[in-house]
Protein backbone atom coordinates (compact mmCIF):
# COMPACT_ATOMS: atom_id res chain seq x y z
CA MET A 1 -97.86 -59.23 -9.14
CA ARG A 2 -98.86 -59.05 -11.99
CA HIS A 3 -102.67 -56.81 -12.17
CA MET A 4 -104.84 -58.86 -14.79
CA GLY A 5 -108.06 -56.37 -14.70
CA THR A 6 -111.60 -57.84 -14.04
CA SER A 7 -111.27 -61.50 -15.24
CA GLU A 8 -114.71 -63.52 -15.43
CA LEU A 9 -115.08 -66.61 -12.36
CA GLU A 10 -117.47 -68.66 -11.57
CA THR A 11 -118.04 -70.55 -8.75
CA ASP A 12 -121.16 -73.02 -7.49
CA ARG A 13 -124.06 -70.68 -8.00
CA LEU A 14 -122.18 -67.34 -9.11
CA ILE A 15 -120.43 -66.28 -12.29
CA LEU A 16 -118.48 -62.66 -11.47
CA ARG A 17 -118.12 -61.07 -14.63
CA ARG A 18 -117.51 -57.05 -15.80
CA PHE A 19 -120.61 -54.91 -15.69
CA THR A 20 -122.43 -53.82 -18.69
CA MET A 21 -124.35 -51.30 -19.65
CA ALA A 22 -127.36 -53.89 -19.63
CA ASP A 23 -126.76 -54.37 -16.39
CA ALA A 24 -128.27 -50.73 -15.05
CA PRO A 25 -131.94 -51.62 -14.88
CA LEU A 26 -131.00 -54.91 -12.86
CA MET A 27 -128.57 -53.75 -10.57
CA TYR A 28 -131.08 -50.73 -9.64
CA ARG A 29 -134.04 -52.73 -8.85
CA ASN A 30 -132.09 -55.09 -6.95
CA TRP A 31 -129.86 -53.52 -4.81
CA ALA A 32 -128.59 -49.26 -6.11
CA SER A 33 -131.82 -48.33 -4.71
CA ASP A 34 -132.63 -49.46 -1.20
CA ASP A 35 -131.93 -48.13 1.81
CA ASN A 36 -131.49 -50.85 3.39
CA VAL A 37 -128.54 -52.46 1.55
CA THR A 38 -126.94 -48.46 1.32
CA THR A 39 -126.95 -47.98 4.73
CA TYR A 40 -123.70 -48.10 5.56
CA LEU A 41 -122.44 -47.99 1.88
CA THR A 42 -119.67 -44.81 0.51
CA TRP A 43 -122.68 -43.75 -2.08
CA PRO A 44 -126.07 -43.04 -1.91
CA THR A 45 -129.12 -44.58 -2.56
CA HIS A 46 -129.51 -44.16 -6.52
CA THR A 47 -132.60 -42.05 -7.17
CA SER A 48 -133.43 -43.59 -10.33
CA VAL A 49 -132.05 -45.46 -13.06
CA SER A 50 -129.97 -42.74 -14.51
CA VAL A 51 -127.96 -42.10 -12.04
CA THR A 52 -127.19 -46.01 -12.14
CA ARG A 53 -126.74 -45.87 -15.81
CA GLY A 54 -124.21 -43.37 -15.42
CA VAL A 55 -122.46 -45.27 -12.42
CA LEU A 56 -122.07 -47.81 -14.78
CA GLU A 57 -120.71 -45.26 -17.73
CA ASP A 58 -117.35 -45.31 -15.91
CA TRP A 59 -117.06 -48.77 -14.66
CA THR A 60 -118.08 -49.80 -18.16
CA ALA A 61 -114.86 -47.15 -19.07
CA ARG A 62 -112.49 -49.00 -17.04
CA TYR A 63 -112.34 -51.75 -17.65
CA GLY A 64 -109.52 -51.44 -20.04
CA GLU A 65 -106.84 -50.70 -17.28
CA PRO A 66 -105.64 -53.59 -15.69
CA ASP A 67 -105.71 -52.63 -11.80
CA PHE A 68 -108.99 -51.94 -11.98
CA TYR A 69 -110.62 -54.55 -10.31
CA ASN A 70 -115.26 -54.99 -10.51
CA TRP A 71 -116.98 -57.42 -10.37
CA CYS A 72 -120.97 -57.75 -11.05
CA ILE A 73 -122.24 -60.50 -8.87
CA GLU A 74 -124.67 -62.40 -11.29
CA LEU A 75 -126.72 -65.04 -9.36
CA LYS A 76 -126.72 -68.64 -12.21
CA GLU A 77 -130.14 -69.92 -11.42
CA THR A 78 -131.53 -66.84 -12.60
CA GLY A 79 -128.73 -64.92 -14.71
CA GLU A 80 -129.12 -61.52 -12.36
CA PRO A 81 -127.42 -59.31 -11.27
CA ILE A 82 -127.32 -59.48 -7.05
CA GLY A 83 -124.21 -56.96 -6.61
CA SER A 84 -120.88 -56.25 -6.65
CA LEU A 85 -117.51 -56.45 -5.04
CA SER A 86 -114.40 -54.55 -6.40
CA VAL A 87 -110.69 -53.91 -5.61
CA VAL A 88 -111.38 -49.84 -3.51
CA SER A 89 -108.11 -49.65 -3.19
CA HIS A 90 -104.60 -50.97 -3.83
CA ASP A 91 -101.33 -50.19 -2.83
CA ASP A 92 -98.45 -51.98 -5.28
CA ALA A 93 -95.47 -51.15 -3.11
CA THR A 94 -96.58 -53.70 -0.33
CA ASP A 95 -98.50 -55.41 -2.59
CA ALA A 96 -101.66 -54.86 -0.74
CA ALA A 97 -105.67 -54.68 -1.89
CA THR A 98 -108.39 -53.44 0.00
CA VAL A 99 -111.96 -54.88 -1.30
CA GLY A 100 -115.45 -53.50 -0.59
CA TRP A 101 -119.18 -55.19 -1.61
CA CYS A 102 -122.99 -54.84 -1.63
CA LEU A 103 -125.69 -57.93 -2.16
CA GLY A 104 -129.20 -57.01 -3.07
CA ALA A 105 -131.28 -57.60 0.78
CA HIS A 106 -133.35 -60.62 -1.32
CA TRP A 107 -130.07 -62.59 -1.19
CA TRP A 108 -128.99 -62.07 2.19
CA GLY A 109 -128.03 -65.07 4.26
CA ARG A 110 -127.58 -67.14 1.73
CA GLY A 111 -123.94 -67.58 2.02
CA LEU A 112 -123.71 -65.76 -1.09
CA MET A 113 -121.19 -63.51 -0.61
CA PRO A 114 -118.68 -65.56 0.68
CA GLU A 115 -119.36 -67.65 -1.55
CA ALA A 116 -118.03 -64.78 -4.23
CA GLY A 117 -115.56 -63.57 -1.72
CA ARG A 118 -113.36 -66.84 -1.63
CA ALA A 119 -113.13 -66.78 -5.28
CA VAL A 120 -111.78 -63.38 -5.00
CA LEU A 121 -109.32 -64.21 -3.13
CA GLN A 122 -108.59 -67.06 -4.95
CA TYR A 123 -107.83 -64.45 -7.93
CA LEU A 124 -106.36 -61.93 -6.03
CA PHE A 125 -103.76 -64.21 -4.35
CA GLY A 126 -103.26 -66.69 -6.90
CA VAL A 127 -103.14 -65.04 -9.88
CA VAL A 128 -102.94 -60.98 -9.03
CA GLY A 129 -100.35 -61.77 -7.07
CA PHE A 130 -101.92 -59.34 -4.41
CA ASN A 131 -99.92 -60.60 -0.73
CA ARG A 132 -102.49 -58.81 1.64
CA ILE A 133 -105.66 -58.35 1.55
CA VAL A 134 -108.52 -55.89 3.44
CA ALA A 135 -111.73 -55.51 4.60
CA LYS A 136 -113.68 -52.78 6.84
CA HIS A 137 -116.73 -52.48 7.54
CA ASP A 138 -118.79 -50.20 9.96
CA VAL A 139 -118.79 -51.21 13.84
CA GLU A 140 -122.96 -51.52 13.35
CA ASN A 141 -122.63 -53.37 10.37
CA ARG A 142 -121.94 -56.63 12.04
CA LYS A 143 -123.40 -58.44 9.22
CA SER A 144 -119.88 -57.90 7.10
CA GLY A 145 -117.98 -58.32 9.91
CA ARG A 146 -119.37 -62.29 9.38
CA VAL A 147 -118.46 -62.16 5.68
CA MET A 148 -114.96 -61.11 6.56
CA GLN A 149 -114.67 -64.14 9.23
CA LYS A 150 -116.05 -66.35 6.74
CA LEU A 151 -113.67 -65.67 4.46
CA GLY A 152 -110.67 -66.44 6.87
CA MET A 153 -109.98 -63.12 7.62
CA VAL A 154 -108.63 -61.76 11.15
CA GLN A 155 -109.79 -59.14 13.00
CA GLU A 156 -107.33 -56.45 13.30
CA GLY A 157 -108.52 -53.86 15.56
CA THR A 158 -111.06 -50.78 15.86
CA PHE A 159 -110.04 -47.73 14.43
CA ARG A 160 -112.24 -45.03 15.87
CA LYS A 161 -113.77 -42.61 13.69
CA SER A 162 -112.20 -42.92 10.73
CA GLY A 163 -114.32 -43.69 8.21
CA ARG A 164 -117.45 -41.91 6.63
CA ASN A 165 -120.83 -43.23 5.33
CA ASN A 166 -124.22 -43.19 5.12
CA ARG A 167 -124.98 -42.97 8.69
CA GLY A 168 -121.61 -39.90 8.97
CA ILE A 169 -118.40 -40.60 10.56
CA VAL A 170 -118.04 -43.94 11.60
CA ASP A 171 -115.68 -46.43 13.56
CA GLU A 172 -114.73 -48.78 11.39
CA VAL A 173 -113.57 -52.67 11.96
CA VAL A 174 -110.73 -53.97 10.18
CA TYR A 175 -109.73 -56.91 8.85
CA SER A 176 -107.05 -59.08 7.15
CA ILE A 177 -105.51 -61.88 5.27
CA LEU A 178 -102.32 -62.92 4.00
CA ARG A 179 -101.45 -64.42 1.52
CA GLU A 180 -99.05 -67.22 3.56
CA ASP A 181 -102.04 -67.94 5.72
CA TYR A 182 -104.96 -68.44 3.09
CA GLU A 183 -101.90 -71.05 0.99
CA LYS A 184 -102.37 -73.10 4.84
CA THR A 185 -105.86 -72.40 5.58
CA GLN A 186 -108.19 -72.17 2.09
CA ALA A 187 -105.99 -72.36 -1.47
CA LYS A 188 -105.90 -76.67 -0.60
CA ASP A 189 -110.04 -76.52 -0.69
CA MET A 190 -110.96 -74.36 -3.48
CA GLN A 191 -111.35 -74.87 -7.43
CA LEU A 192 -112.59 -71.61 -9.20
CA THR A 193 -113.03 -71.32 -13.33
CA TRP A 194 -111.88 -68.10 -14.45
CA LYS A 195 -110.54 -66.31 -17.89
CA ARG A 196 -109.51 -62.83 -18.91
CA LYS A 197 -112.15 -61.12 -20.69
CA THR A 198 -111.42 -58.74 -23.37
CA ARG A 199 -113.79 -55.48 -24.24
CA GLU A 200 -114.80 -56.73 -27.32
CA GLU A 201 -116.29 -59.81 -25.15
CA THR A 202 -117.61 -57.96 -22.34
CA HIS A 203 -119.48 -56.09 -25.67
CA ARG A 204 -120.91 -59.04 -27.20
CA ARG A 205 -122.44 -60.18 -23.89
């Protein structure tokens, strides 16, 4: 496995790229300030755009780390950031990663998150070399579970009172996909454009 950092990815409708400080107003407006989006998330709804800027300061400072993976989901149609997808943890001893995501409510139901997820799976398996990708959802957040199913993930089980989010301590449903399964069912059917982004290129956006 070779860590490559947050490289730019492109799908039919989306560009997955690094966040910049200029994203703060639209990130705040499009999802970070919306209680409907954050209900099942581990971080609280942002109360002001200054909170969003503080988060982005941390994220953008970490893009120099080769094992930091955090994509801004940009809709090509409008050029707006509409959500995020990240590796929230990884274990190099087992070549495993756990991913998480969120999407502005205005864009729910359009198949955009599975589209973004497929690009990230291809990158993490095919370029970085992870062997196992995991995703978890609050047992009440069935929409997130459907995204995992569309990504070809297999449900491994429900872990009782194993997670904490804005609803409190909750049961979590765990899904995973292995590289060998991914290669058999999905890799041949997908096309992905990606390129490595240097910090200098990001600052010029």
